[in-house]
């Protein structure tokens, strides 16, 4: 994001933070196209773009059962998370049947989509060619879901849509600008 880093601290909504600024105890020291250097509790960390979420304190173990998201501009629920251990930005899309991404994101994430089943999907932008794949792990905050069906669209998309192949595993409750996803067991 130019001279800003997009930070998510303790599951908060993503916030663009300029070099020298502090957000929730995290100070941004420098930013370039591939990484950001931050300081947390006196520790200097280099965070790689596209890497997994970083914990500077107590590590959040997978096994949580609730995700709390706050709506951003335009009322969209966006959050950072990971697919198969690699960082992505998700946007909640209850109108999407599957978790969906463009081929650029699939390549960056190391998903061998070309081995998936070829398909076609109707989207807001018309009918597109896709490959249907299964994601080993999708993680948001301390909640991890395994074996999630996804679609990889030919062409690019802005971020990854968090569709119903993930969302139906949760009870969803919206209260004003807050969305709570509680795991169904």
N, C-alpha and C. Protein backbone atom coordinates (compact mmCIF):
# COMPACT_ATOMS: atom_id res chain seq x y z
N UNK A 1 0.83 -1.19 0.00
CA UNK A 1 0.00 0.00 0.00
C UNK A 1 0.88 1.25 0.00
N UNK A 2 1.83 1.30 -0.88
CA UNK A 2 2.71 2.46 -0.96
C UNK A 2 3.59 2.56 0.27
N UNK A 3 3.46 3.67 1.01
CA UNK A 3 4.28 3.86 2.20
C UNK A 3 3.52 3.45 3.47
N UNK A 4 2.44 2.70 3.31
CA UNK A 4 1.66 2.25 4.46
C UNK A 4 1.66 0.73 4.52
N UNK A 5 1.48 0.21 5.73
CA UNK A 5 1.32 -1.23 5.94
C UNK A 5 -0.11 -1.47 6.38
N UNK A 6 -0.72 -2.53 5.88
CA UNK A 6 -2.07 -2.91 6.29
C UNK A 6 -1.93 -3.87 7.46
N UNK A 7 -2.30 -3.40 8.66
CA UNK A 7 -2.11 -4.19 9.88
C UNK A 7 -3.43 -4.71 10.41
N UNK A 8 -3.40 -5.95 10.89
CA UNK A 8 -4.49 -6.53 11.66
C UNK A 8 -3.86 -6.94 12.99
N UNK A 9 -4.31 -6.32 14.07
CA UNK A 9 -3.74 -6.57 15.38
C UNK A 9 -4.79 -7.24 16.26
N UNK A 10 -4.49 -8.44 16.74
CA UNK A 10 -5.39 -9.20 17.61
C UNK A 10 -6.78 -9.35 17.00
N UNK A 11 -6.83 -9.58 15.68
CA UNK A 11 -8.10 -9.84 15.01
C UNK A 11 -8.92 -8.60 14.71
N UNK A 12 -8.35 -7.41 14.92
CA UNK A 12 -9.09 -6.17 14.64
C UNK A 12 -9.27 -6.00 13.14
N UNK A 13 -10.09 -5.04 12.77
CA UNK A 13 -10.26 -4.72 11.35
C UNK A 13 -8.93 -4.23 10.78
N UNK A 14 -8.64 -4.55 9.51
CA UNK A 14 -7.39 -4.08 8.91
C UNK A 14 -7.30 -2.55 8.93
N UNK A 15 -6.11 -2.03 9.21
CA UNK A 15 -5.90 -0.57 9.24
C UNK A 15 -4.61 -0.23 8.51
N UNK A 16 -4.68 0.74 7.62
CA UNK A 16 -3.49 1.22 6.91
C UNK A 16 -2.73 2.15 7.85
N UNK A 17 -1.46 1.82 8.09
CA UNK A 17 -0.64 2.57 9.05
C UNK A 17 0.62 3.06 8.35
N UNK A 18 0.89 4.35 8.46
CA UNK A 18 2.07 4.96 7.83
C UNK A 18 3.33 4.68 8.65
N UNK A 19 4.48 4.80 7.98
CA UNK A 19 5.77 4.65 8.65
C UNK A 19 5.83 5.66 9.79
N UNK A 20 6.24 5.19 10.96
CA UNK A 20 6.36 6.03 12.13
C UNK A 20 5.13 6.02 13.03
N UNK A 21 4.00 5.59 12.50
CA UNK A 21 2.78 5.55 13.29
C UNK A 21 2.69 4.25 14.10
N UNK A 22 1.89 4.32 15.18
CA UNK A 22 1.66 3.16 16.04
C UNK A 22 0.18 2.84 16.02
N UNK A 23 -0.15 1.55 15.87
CA UNK A 23 -1.54 1.08 15.92
C UNK A 23 -1.60 -0.10 16.87
N UNK A 24 -2.34 0.06 17.98
CA UNK A 24 -2.53 -0.99 18.98
C UNK A 24 -1.20 -1.59 19.44
N UNK A 25 -0.21 -0.73 19.64
CA UNK A 25 1.08 -1.19 20.15
C UNK A 25 2.06 -1.67 19.10
N UNK A 26 1.68 -1.59 17.82
CA UNK A 26 2.56 -2.02 16.72
C UNK A 26 3.00 -0.77 15.96
N UNK A 27 4.32 -0.51 15.96
CA UNK A 27 4.87 0.65 15.26
C UNK A 27 5.45 0.21 13.93
N UNK A 28 5.07 0.90 12.86
CA UNK A 28 5.59 0.61 11.53
C UNK A 28 6.89 1.38 11.36
N UNK A 29 7.99 0.64 11.12
CA UNK A 29 9.31 1.26 10.97
C UNK A 29 9.67 1.53 9.52
N UNK A 30 9.32 0.58 8.62
CA UNK A 30 9.59 0.78 7.20
C UNK A 30 8.69 -0.13 6.39
N UNK A 31 8.48 0.27 5.12
CA UNK A 31 7.61 -0.50 4.22
C UNK A 31 8.24 -0.46 2.83
N UNK A 32 8.28 -1.62 2.16
CA UNK A 32 8.62 -1.63 0.73
C UNK A 32 7.68 -2.59 0.04
N UNK A 33 7.90 -2.87 -1.23
CA UNK A 33 6.97 -3.70 -2.01
C UNK A 33 6.86 -5.12 -1.50
N UNK A 34 7.90 -5.65 -0.84
CA UNK A 34 7.92 -7.05 -0.43
C UNK A 34 7.71 -7.29 1.06
N UNK A 35 7.95 -6.26 1.89
CA UNK A 35 7.91 -6.50 3.33
C UNK A 35 7.70 -5.21 4.10
N UNK A 36 7.35 -5.39 5.37
CA UNK A 36 7.25 -4.27 6.30
C UNK A 36 8.06 -4.64 7.54
N UNK A 37 8.70 -3.64 8.13
CA UNK A 37 9.40 -3.84 9.40
C UNK A 37 8.58 -3.13 10.46
N UNK A 38 8.24 -3.89 11.52
CA UNK A 38 7.43 -3.35 12.60
C UNK A 38 8.13 -3.60 13.93
N UNK A 39 7.70 -2.84 14.95
CA UNK A 39 8.23 -3.04 16.29
C UNK A 39 7.05 -3.30 17.22
N UNK A 40 7.16 -4.41 17.98
CA UNK A 40 6.12 -4.80 18.93
C UNK A 40 6.80 -5.13 20.25
N UNK A 41 6.41 -4.45 21.31
CA UNK A 41 6.96 -4.70 22.64
C UNK A 41 8.49 -4.72 22.63
N UNK A 42 9.09 -3.80 21.88
CA UNK A 42 10.54 -3.70 21.82
C UNK A 42 11.21 -4.68 20.87
N UNK A 43 10.44 -5.56 20.24
CA UNK A 43 11.00 -6.51 19.28
C UNK A 43 10.76 -6.01 17.87
N UNK A 44 11.80 -6.11 17.06
CA UNK A 44 11.72 -5.72 15.66
C UNK A 44 11.41 -6.96 14.84
N UNK A 45 10.38 -6.88 14.00
CA UNK A 45 9.97 -8.00 13.15
C UNK A 45 9.90 -7.56 11.71
N UNK A 46 10.35 -8.42 10.81
CA UNK A 46 10.21 -8.19 9.39
C UNK A 46 9.10 -9.12 8.91
N UNK A 47 8.07 -8.53 8.35
CA UNK A 47 6.90 -9.29 7.90
C UNK A 47 6.90 -9.31 6.37
N UNK A 48 6.92 -10.51 5.80
CA UNK A 48 6.94 -10.67 4.34
C UNK A 48 5.53 -10.56 3.78
N UNK A 49 5.36 -9.82 2.69
CA UNK A 49 4.07 -9.75 2.02
C UNK A 49 3.74 -11.15 1.48
N UNK A 50 2.52 -11.60 1.73
CA UNK A 50 2.12 -12.92 1.25
C UNK A 50 2.49 -14.03 2.20
N UNK A 51 3.14 -13.71 3.31
CA UNK A 51 3.49 -14.73 4.30
C UNK A 51 2.33 -14.99 5.24
N UNK A 52 2.53 -15.91 6.15
CA UNK A 52 1.49 -16.23 7.13
C UNK A 52 1.38 -15.11 8.16
N UNK A 53 0.21 -15.01 8.83
CA UNK A 53 0.09 -14.02 9.90
C UNK A 53 1.19 -14.23 10.94
N UNK A 54 1.64 -13.13 11.55
CA UNK A 54 2.75 -13.18 12.49
C UNK A 54 2.24 -12.90 13.89
N UNK A 55 2.77 -13.63 14.85
CA UNK A 55 2.45 -13.40 16.25
C UNK A 55 3.71 -12.96 16.96
N UNK A 56 3.64 -11.82 17.66
CA UNK A 56 4.80 -11.33 18.39
C UNK A 56 4.71 -11.66 19.86
N UNK A 57 3.54 -12.08 20.29
CA UNK A 57 3.36 -12.42 21.70
C UNK A 57 2.90 -13.86 21.80
N UNK A 58 1.85 -14.05 22.54
CA UNK A 58 1.28 -15.38 22.73
C UNK A 58 0.67 -15.83 21.40
N UNK A 59 1.11 -16.98 20.92
CA UNK A 59 0.60 -17.50 19.65
C UNK A 59 -0.82 -18.00 19.82
N UNK A 60 -1.68 -17.63 18.87
CA UNK A 60 -3.05 -18.11 18.89
C UNK A 60 -3.08 -19.47 18.20
N UNK A 61 -3.40 -20.48 18.96
CA UNK A 61 -3.47 -21.83 18.40
C UNK A 61 -4.74 -21.98 17.60
N UNK A 62 -4.67 -22.75 16.52
CA UNK A 62 -5.88 -23.07 15.78
C UNK A 62 -6.75 -23.90 16.69
N UNK A 63 -8.02 -23.72 16.62
CA UNK A 63 -8.92 -24.46 17.48
C UNK A 63 -9.99 -23.55 18.05
N UNK A 64 -9.93 -22.28 17.68
CA UNK A 64 -10.96 -21.35 18.12
C UNK A 64 -12.29 -21.69 17.45
N UNK A 65 -13.34 -21.09 17.95
CA UNK A 65 -14.66 -21.39 17.40
C UNK A 65 -15.42 -20.16 16.97
N UNK A 66 -14.83 -18.96 17.12
CA UNK A 66 -15.57 -17.76 16.78
C UNK A 66 -14.67 -16.73 16.09
N UNK A 67 -15.23 -16.12 15.05
CA UNK A 67 -14.56 -15.06 14.31
C UNK A 67 -15.44 -13.82 14.42
N UNK A 68 -14.85 -12.69 14.78
CA UNK A 68 -15.59 -11.43 14.87
C UNK A 68 -14.98 -10.46 13.87
N UNK A 69 -15.81 -9.95 12.96
CA UNK A 69 -15.35 -9.03 11.92
C UNK A 69 -16.10 -7.72 12.03
N UNK A 70 -15.43 -6.63 11.65
CA UNK A 70 -16.04 -5.31 11.64
C UNK A 70 -16.11 -4.81 10.21
N UNK A 71 -17.26 -4.26 9.84
CA UNK A 71 -17.44 -3.75 8.48
C UNK A 71 -16.53 -2.57 8.23
N UNK A 72 -15.96 -2.54 7.04
CA UNK A 72 -15.12 -1.43 6.63
C UNK A 72 -15.91 -0.47 5.77
N UNK A 73 -15.21 0.35 5.01
CA UNK A 73 -15.87 1.30 4.14
C UNK A 73 -16.73 0.55 3.13
N UNK A 74 -17.89 1.07 2.85
CA UNK A 74 -18.80 0.42 1.92
C UNK A 74 -19.59 -0.71 2.56
N UNK A 75 -19.37 -0.96 3.86
CA UNK A 75 -20.11 -1.99 4.55
C UNK A 75 -19.62 -3.40 4.33
N UNK A 76 -18.47 -3.56 3.67
CA UNK A 76 -17.93 -4.89 3.39
C UNK A 76 -17.14 -5.42 4.59
N UNK A 77 -17.23 -6.73 4.80
CA UNK A 77 -16.46 -7.38 5.85
C UNK A 77 -15.21 -7.98 5.22
N UNK A 78 -14.06 -7.40 5.52
CA UNK A 78 -12.78 -7.87 5.01
C UNK A 78 -11.91 -8.28 6.19
N UNK A 79 -11.07 -9.28 5.96
CA UNK A 79 -10.17 -9.72 7.02
C UNK A 79 -8.97 -10.40 6.41
N UNK A 80 -7.86 -10.35 7.12
CA UNK A 80 -6.69 -11.12 6.71
C UNK A 80 -6.82 -12.51 7.30
N UNK A 81 -6.30 -13.47 6.60
CA UNK A 81 -6.29 -14.86 7.05
C UNK A 81 -5.26 -15.60 6.24
N UNK A 82 -5.41 -16.91 6.18
CA UNK A 82 -4.46 -17.69 5.38
C UNK A 82 -5.14 -18.87 4.72
N UNK A 83 -4.57 -19.26 3.62
CA UNK A 83 -4.95 -20.49 2.92
C UNK A 83 -3.70 -21.33 2.83
N UNK A 84 -3.79 -22.54 3.36
CA UNK A 84 -2.65 -23.46 3.38
C UNK A 84 -1.39 -22.78 3.94
N UNK A 85 -1.58 -21.92 4.95
CA UNK A 85 -0.47 -21.28 5.64
C UNK A 85 0.06 -20.02 4.99
N UNK A 86 -0.53 -19.57 3.88
CA UNK A 86 -0.06 -18.34 3.22
C UNK A 86 -1.12 -17.25 3.33
N UNK A 87 -0.67 -16.05 3.60
CA UNK A 87 -1.55 -14.92 3.90
C UNK A 87 -2.38 -14.47 2.71
N UNK A 88 -3.65 -14.17 2.98
CA UNK A 88 -4.56 -13.62 1.97
C UNK A 88 -5.49 -12.61 2.63
N UNK A 89 -6.07 -11.76 1.82
CA UNK A 89 -7.13 -10.89 2.29
C UNK A 89 -8.45 -11.47 1.78
N UNK A 90 -9.37 -11.71 2.70
CA UNK A 90 -10.69 -12.24 2.37
C UNK A 90 -11.72 -11.12 2.40
N UNK A 91 -12.76 -11.27 1.56
CA UNK A 91 -13.96 -10.45 1.67
C UNK A 91 -15.14 -11.41 1.77
N UNK A 92 -15.94 -11.25 2.83
CA UNK A 92 -17.11 -12.11 3.03
C UNK A 92 -18.09 -11.85 1.88
N UNK A 93 -18.54 -12.95 1.24
CA UNK A 93 -19.49 -12.85 0.13
C UNK A 93 -20.52 -13.97 0.28
N UNK A 94 -21.64 -13.65 0.92
CA UNK A 94 -22.68 -14.66 1.13
C UNK A 94 -23.37 -15.06 -0.18
N UNK A 95 -23.12 -14.32 -1.24
CA UNK A 95 -23.69 -14.66 -2.54
C UNK A 95 -22.79 -15.59 -3.35
N UNK A 96 -21.60 -15.87 -2.85
CA UNK A 96 -20.66 -16.76 -3.55
C UNK A 96 -20.85 -18.18 -3.02
N UNK A 97 -21.06 -19.12 -3.91
CA UNK A 97 -21.24 -20.51 -3.51
C UNK A 97 -19.98 -21.07 -2.85
N UNK A 98 -18.83 -20.72 -3.40
CA UNK A 98 -17.55 -21.27 -2.93
C UNK A 98 -16.59 -20.16 -2.53
N UNK A 99 -15.55 -20.51 -1.83
CA UNK A 99 -14.41 -19.61 -1.69
C UNK A 99 -13.90 -19.42 -3.12
N UNK A 100 -13.63 -18.19 -3.52
CA UNK A 100 -13.26 -17.94 -4.91
C UNK A 100 -12.07 -16.99 -4.98
N UNK A 101 -11.20 -17.27 -5.96
CA UNK A 101 -10.01 -16.44 -6.15
C UNK A 101 -9.63 -16.44 -7.62
N UNK A 102 -8.81 -15.47 -8.00
CA UNK A 102 -8.27 -15.42 -9.34
C UNK A 102 -7.04 -16.30 -9.47
N UNK A 103 -6.64 -16.55 -10.71
CA UNK A 103 -5.49 -17.43 -10.92
C UNK A 103 -4.19 -16.86 -10.38
N UNK A 104 -4.05 -15.52 -10.32
CA UNK A 104 -2.84 -14.92 -9.75
C UNK A 104 -2.69 -15.29 -8.28
N UNK A 105 -3.80 -15.18 -7.51
CA UNK A 105 -3.75 -15.56 -6.10
C UNK A 105 -3.47 -17.06 -5.96
N UNK A 106 -4.10 -17.88 -6.79
CA UNK A 106 -3.88 -19.33 -6.71
C UNK A 106 -2.40 -19.67 -6.95
N UNK A 107 -1.78 -19.01 -7.92
CA UNK A 107 -0.36 -19.27 -8.19
C UNK A 107 0.49 -18.83 -7.00
N UNK A 108 0.21 -17.64 -6.45
CA UNK A 108 0.97 -17.14 -5.30
C UNK A 108 0.83 -18.07 -4.10
N UNK A 109 -0.33 -18.67 -3.95
CA UNK A 109 -0.59 -19.56 -2.83
C UNK A 109 -0.10 -20.99 -3.07
N UNK A 110 0.38 -21.26 -4.28
CA UNK A 110 0.89 -22.60 -4.59
C UNK A 110 -0.21 -23.64 -4.77
N UNK A 111 -1.39 -23.19 -5.18
CA UNK A 111 -2.50 -24.12 -5.39
C UNK A 111 -2.42 -24.65 -6.82
N UNK A 112 -2.30 -25.96 -6.98
CA UNK A 112 -2.20 -26.55 -8.34
C UNK A 112 -3.58 -26.63 -9.00
N UNK A 113 -4.14 -25.47 -9.31
CA UNK A 113 -5.52 -25.41 -9.79
C UNK A 113 -5.72 -26.11 -11.14
N UNK A 114 -4.67 -26.19 -11.95
CA UNK A 114 -4.81 -26.81 -13.27
C UNK A 114 -5.17 -28.29 -13.17
N UNK A 115 -4.93 -28.90 -12.00
CA UNK A 115 -5.30 -30.30 -11.79
C UNK A 115 -6.74 -30.44 -11.29
N UNK A 116 -7.40 -29.30 -11.02
CA UNK A 116 -8.79 -29.32 -10.56
C UNK A 116 -9.74 -29.60 -11.71
N UNK A 117 -11.00 -29.72 -11.36
CA UNK A 117 -12.03 -30.00 -12.36
C UNK A 117 -12.43 -28.70 -13.05
N UNK A 118 -12.39 -28.70 -14.39
CA UNK A 118 -12.79 -27.52 -15.15
C UNK A 118 -14.30 -27.31 -15.01
N UNK A 119 -14.68 -26.03 -14.92
CA UNK A 119 -16.08 -25.68 -14.76
C UNK A 119 -16.31 -24.29 -15.32
N UNK A 120 -17.54 -23.85 -15.26
CA UNK A 120 -17.90 -22.48 -15.62
C UNK A 120 -18.78 -21.95 -14.50
N UNK A 121 -18.65 -20.67 -14.20
CA UNK A 121 -19.43 -20.08 -13.12
C UNK A 121 -20.07 -18.77 -13.58
N UNK A 122 -21.28 -18.53 -13.11
CA UNK A 122 -21.95 -17.26 -13.35
C UNK A 122 -21.57 -16.31 -12.24
N UNK A 123 -21.02 -15.16 -12.60
CA UNK A 123 -20.60 -14.17 -11.62
C UNK A 123 -21.27 -12.84 -11.93
N UNK A 124 -21.05 -11.86 -11.09
CA UNK A 124 -21.58 -10.51 -11.33
C UNK A 124 -21.02 -9.95 -12.64
N UNK A 125 -19.86 -10.45 -13.07
CA UNK A 125 -19.24 -9.97 -14.31
C UNK A 125 -19.49 -10.90 -15.49
N UNK A 126 -20.43 -11.81 -15.36
CA UNK A 126 -20.74 -12.73 -16.45
C UNK A 126 -20.22 -14.13 -16.16
N UNK A 127 -20.25 -14.98 -17.19
CA UNK A 127 -19.82 -16.37 -17.05
C UNK A 127 -18.31 -16.44 -17.26
N UNK A 128 -17.62 -17.15 -16.34
CA UNK A 128 -16.16 -17.27 -16.42
C UNK A 128 -15.75 -18.73 -16.32
N UNK A 129 -14.60 -19.04 -16.91
CA UNK A 129 -14.02 -20.38 -16.79
C UNK A 129 -13.35 -20.49 -15.43
N UNK A 130 -13.54 -21.63 -14.77
CA UNK A 130 -12.96 -21.86 -13.45
C UNK A 130 -12.41 -23.27 -13.34
N UNK A 131 -11.61 -23.47 -12.31
CA UNK A 131 -11.17 -24.80 -11.89
C UNK A 131 -11.67 -24.98 -10.46
N UNK A 132 -12.27 -26.12 -10.18
CA UNK A 132 -12.73 -26.44 -8.82
C UNK A 132 -11.64 -27.21 -8.10
N UNK A 133 -11.27 -26.74 -6.91
CA UNK A 133 -10.18 -27.33 -6.13
C UNK A 133 -10.63 -27.48 -4.68
N UNK A 134 -9.81 -28.16 -3.89
CA UNK A 134 -10.04 -28.27 -2.45
C UNK A 134 -8.84 -27.65 -1.74
N UNK A 135 -9.15 -26.80 -0.77
CA UNK A 135 -8.10 -26.14 0.02
C UNK A 135 -7.90 -26.94 1.30
N UNK A 136 -6.65 -27.26 1.60
CA UNK A 136 -6.38 -28.06 2.81
C UNK A 136 -6.81 -27.33 4.07
N UNK A 137 -6.40 -26.04 4.20
CA UNK A 137 -6.69 -25.28 5.41
C UNK A 137 -7.03 -23.84 5.07
N UNK A 138 -8.11 -23.35 5.66
CA UNK A 138 -8.45 -21.93 5.59
C UNK A 138 -8.53 -21.44 7.03
N UNK A 139 -7.75 -20.40 7.33
CA UNK A 139 -7.68 -19.91 8.71
C UNK A 139 -7.96 -18.42 8.75
N UNK A 140 -8.80 -18.04 9.73
CA UNK A 140 -9.06 -16.64 10.05
C UNK A 140 -8.98 -16.53 11.56
N UNK A 141 -8.16 -15.60 12.02
CA UNK A 141 -7.88 -15.44 13.45
C UNK A 141 -7.42 -16.79 13.99
N UNK A 142 -8.05 -17.32 15.04
CA UNK A 142 -7.61 -18.61 15.58
C UNK A 142 -8.53 -19.76 15.17
N UNK A 143 -9.33 -19.52 14.11
CA UNK A 143 -10.27 -20.54 13.63
C UNK A 143 -9.74 -21.11 12.32
N UNK A 144 -9.61 -22.43 12.28
CA UNK A 144 -9.11 -23.11 11.08
C UNK A 144 -10.13 -24.13 10.61
N UNK A 145 -10.42 -24.11 9.31
CA UNK A 145 -11.35 -25.06 8.69
C UNK A 145 -10.56 -25.83 7.65
N UNK A 146 -10.73 -27.14 7.64
CA UNK A 146 -10.00 -27.99 6.69
C UNK A 146 -10.91 -28.46 5.57
N UNK A 147 -10.28 -28.77 4.43
CA UNK A 147 -10.96 -29.35 3.28
C UNK A 147 -12.12 -28.48 2.80
N UNK A 148 -11.78 -27.31 2.29
CA UNK A 148 -12.77 -26.33 1.83
C UNK A 148 -12.77 -26.29 0.31
N UNK A 149 -13.94 -26.45 -0.29
CA UNK A 149 -14.04 -26.38 -1.75
C UNK A 149 -13.88 -24.93 -2.20
N UNK A 150 -13.18 -24.74 -3.33
CA UNK A 150 -12.93 -23.40 -3.85
C UNK A 150 -12.97 -23.41 -5.37
N UNK A 151 -13.13 -22.22 -5.92
CA UNK A 151 -13.10 -22.03 -7.36
C UNK A 151 -11.99 -21.03 -7.70
N UNK A 152 -11.21 -21.38 -8.71
CA UNK A 152 -10.16 -20.49 -9.20
C UNK A 152 -10.61 -20.00 -10.57
N UNK A 153 -10.84 -18.68 -10.67
CA UNK A 153 -11.29 -18.07 -11.92
C UNK A 153 -10.11 -17.70 -12.79
N UNK A 154 -10.25 -17.93 -14.08
CA UNK A 154 -9.22 -17.50 -15.01
C UNK A 154 -9.28 -15.98 -15.08
N UNK A 155 -8.16 -15.34 -14.86
CA UNK A 155 -8.11 -13.90 -14.78
C UNK A 155 -7.84 -13.50 -13.34
N UNK A 156 -7.86 -12.21 -13.08
CA UNK A 156 -7.53 -11.76 -11.72
C UNK A 156 -8.77 -11.27 -11.00
N UNK A 157 -8.68 -11.30 -9.68
CA UNK A 157 -9.72 -10.78 -8.80
C UNK A 157 -9.01 -9.96 -7.73
N UNK A 158 -9.72 -9.06 -7.09
CA UNK A 158 -9.13 -8.29 -6.00
C UNK A 158 -9.43 -9.02 -4.70
N UNK A 159 -8.45 -9.76 -4.20
CA UNK A 159 -8.63 -10.51 -2.97
C UNK A 159 -9.34 -11.83 -3.21
N UNK A 160 -9.69 -12.49 -2.12
CA UNK A 160 -10.32 -13.80 -2.16
C UNK A 160 -11.71 -13.67 -1.54
N UNK A 161 -12.71 -14.19 -2.25
CA UNK A 161 -14.08 -14.16 -1.73
C UNK A 161 -14.26 -15.30 -0.75
N UNK A 162 -14.74 -14.99 0.42
CA UNK A 162 -15.02 -15.99 1.45
C UNK A 162 -16.48 -16.40 1.26
N UNK A 163 -16.69 -17.44 0.46
CA UNK A 163 -18.03 -17.87 0.09
C UNK A 163 -18.59 -18.94 1.00
N UNK A 164 -19.73 -19.49 0.57
CA UNK A 164 -20.50 -20.40 1.41
C UNK A 164 -19.86 -21.75 1.68
N UNK A 165 -18.88 -22.17 0.89
CA UNK A 165 -18.20 -23.43 1.22
C UNK A 165 -17.45 -23.30 2.55
N UNK A 166 -17.15 -22.09 2.96
CA UNK A 166 -16.58 -21.81 4.29
C UNK A 166 -17.67 -21.35 5.25
N UNK A 167 -18.49 -20.40 4.83
CA UNK A 167 -19.45 -19.75 5.71
C UNK A 167 -20.51 -20.68 6.27
N UNK A 168 -20.94 -21.70 5.51
CA UNK A 168 -22.00 -22.58 6.01
C UNK A 168 -21.56 -23.45 7.18
N UNK A 169 -20.29 -23.44 7.49
CA UNK A 169 -19.80 -24.17 8.66
C UNK A 169 -19.94 -23.34 9.94
N UNK A 170 -20.54 -22.15 9.80
CA UNK A 170 -20.69 -21.22 10.91
C UNK A 170 -22.13 -20.72 11.01
N UNK A 171 -22.51 -20.37 12.23
CA UNK A 171 -23.74 -19.62 12.47
C UNK A 171 -23.33 -18.16 12.34
N UNK A 172 -24.06 -17.38 11.53
CA UNK A 172 -23.69 -15.98 11.32
C UNK A 172 -24.68 -15.07 12.03
N UNK A 173 -24.14 -14.06 12.72
CA UNK A 173 -24.98 -13.08 13.39
C UNK A 173 -24.41 -11.70 13.12
N UNK A 174 -25.26 -10.83 12.59
CA UNK A 174 -24.82 -9.46 12.33
C UNK A 174 -25.49 -8.52 13.31
N UNK A 175 -24.69 -7.67 13.92
CA UNK A 175 -25.18 -6.66 14.83
C UNK A 175 -24.55 -5.34 14.42
N UNK A 176 -25.32 -4.51 13.72
CA UNK A 176 -24.82 -3.26 13.15
C UNK A 176 -23.62 -3.53 12.25
N UNK A 177 -22.43 -2.99 12.60
CA UNK A 177 -21.27 -3.18 11.72
C UNK A 177 -20.38 -4.32 12.18
N UNK A 178 -20.92 -5.22 13.00
CA UNK A 178 -20.13 -6.36 13.47
C UNK A 178 -20.77 -7.67 13.03
N UNK A 179 -19.96 -8.56 12.47
CA UNK A 179 -20.40 -9.88 12.03
C UNK A 179 -19.68 -10.91 12.87
N UNK A 180 -20.45 -11.78 13.53
CA UNK A 180 -19.87 -12.84 14.35
C UNK A 180 -20.17 -14.18 13.68
N UNK A 181 -19.11 -14.94 13.42
CA UNK A 181 -19.23 -16.29 12.87
C UNK A 181 -18.88 -17.27 13.98
N UNK A 182 -19.84 -18.12 14.35
CA UNK A 182 -19.63 -19.11 15.42
C UNK A 182 -19.67 -20.50 14.80
N UNK A 183 -18.62 -21.25 15.03
CA UNK A 183 -18.45 -22.58 14.41
C UNK A 183 -19.57 -23.53 14.80
N UNK A 184 -20.09 -24.24 13.80
CA UNK A 184 -21.09 -25.30 14.04
C UNK A 184 -20.32 -26.59 14.30
N UNK A 185 -20.71 -27.34 15.30
CA UNK A 185 -20.04 -28.60 15.58
C UNK A 185 -21.01 -29.74 15.48
